[in-house]
Amino acid sequence: KIIDPIPAFLAIYALDGRIIARRELGALRFGSHSITWDGRDEKGDLLAPGIYIVGINLMAGTPVGQILRPIGVVY
């Protein structure tokens, strides 16, 4: 359980493990959160339709947790 706010980061991975996009989410508190991602890579280009992995990484000096889920991109 997160008691104090903890820095969090969003990362989108290709299925081969490459990081496609990342974003700092700021310090998150315990509870539910909603995150919006525009389907673009680090250069601002739209990703090709397909399956990717979204990761939320929690940091407190060192990584303390990671959540990974599949995500589909369709147009």
Protein backbone atom coordinates (compact mmCIF):
# COMPACT_ATOMS: atom_id res chain seq x y z
CA LYS A 1 0.00 0.00 0.00
CA ILE A 2 1.33 3.43 -0.97
CA ILE A 3 1.18 5.78 2.02
CA ASP A 4 3.19 8.76 0.74
CA PRO A 5 3.11 10.04 -2.85
CA ILE A 6 5.61 8.12 -4.99
CA PRO A 7 7.07 9.07 -8.41
CA ALA A 8 5.55 7.07 -11.26
CA PHE A 9 6.44 6.68 -14.92
CA LEU A 10 4.52 5.34 -17.93
CA ALA A 11 6.37 3.26 -20.53
CA ILE A 12 5.01 1.71 -23.73
CA TYR A 13 6.97 -1.33 -24.94
CA ALA A 14 7.03 -3.18 -28.25
CA LEU A 15 6.56 -6.92 -27.87
CA ASP A 16 10.34 -7.36 -28.28
CA GLY A 17 10.91 -5.21 -25.17
CA ARG A 18 11.99 -1.95 -26.84
CA ILE A 19 10.68 1.20 -25.15
CA ILE A 20 8.48 3.00 -27.68
CA ALA A 21 7.24 5.88 -25.53
CA ARG A 22 7.62 7.06 -21.95
CA ARG A 23 6.23 9.79 -19.76
CA GLU A 24 6.69 10.97 -16.20
CA LEU A 25 3.38 10.82 -14.32
CA GLY A 26 4.48 12.79 -11.27
CA ALA A 27 4.00 11.67 -7.68
CA LEU A 28 0.95 9.44 -7.28
CA ARG A 29 -0.96 8.82 -4.08
CA PHE A 30 -2.72 5.61 -3.09
CA GLY A 31 -5.94 5.05 -5.05
CA SER A 32 -7.25 4.72 -8.58
CA HIS A 33 -5.74 6.73 -11.40
CA SER A 34 -6.62 7.29 -15.06
CA ILE A 35 -3.86 7.83 -17.62
CA THR A 36 -4.34 8.98 -21.21
CA TRP A 37 -1.79 8.21 -23.93
CA ASP A 38 -2.13 9.55 -27.49
CA GLY A 39 -0.70 6.49 -29.31
CA ARG A 40 2.49 8.29 -30.32
CA ASP A 41 6.11 7.25 -29.94
CA GLU A 42 9.00 9.31 -28.51
CA LYS A 43 9.34 11.20 -31.85
CA GLY A 44 5.65 12.10 -31.97
CA ASP A 45 4.78 9.60 -34.72
CA LEU A 46 1.60 7.51 -34.47
CA LEU A 47 2.34 3.87 -33.73
CA ALA A 48 1.33 1.20 -36.18
CA PRO A 49 -1.81 -0.68 -35.16
CA GLY A 50 -0.97 -3.71 -33.05
CA ILE A 51 -0.37 -5.04 -29.56
CA TYR A 52 1.99 -3.28 -27.17
CA ILE A 53 2.74 -3.54 -23.44
CA VAL A 54 1.99 -0.63 -21.12
CA GLY A 55 4.04 -0.40 -17.96
CA ILE A 56 3.63 1.76 -14.89
CA ASN A 57 6.85 1.96 -12.88
CA LEU A 58 6.93 3.21 -9.29
CA MET A 59 10.23 4.67 -8.07
CA ALA A 60 11.52 5.54 -4.61
CA GLY A 61 15.22 6.01 -5.35
CA THR A 62 15.18 2.49 -6.79
CA PRO A 63 12.29 0.72 -8.55
CA VAL A 64 9.71 -0.46 -6.01
CA GLY A 65 7.00 -1.78 -8.29
CA GLN A 66 5.92 -2.33 -11.86
CA ILE A 67 2.56 -3.08 -13.44
CA LEU A 68 2.54 -4.49 -16.99
CA ARG A 69 -0.56 -4.95 -19.16
CA PRO A 70 -1.16 -5.56 -22.87
CA ILE A 71 -2.74 -2.74 -24.85
CA GLY A 72 -4.09 -2.69 -28.39
CA VAL A 73 -3.66 0.22 -30.79
CA VAL A 74 -6.32 0.44 -33.52
CA TYR A 75 -7.40 3.17 -35.96
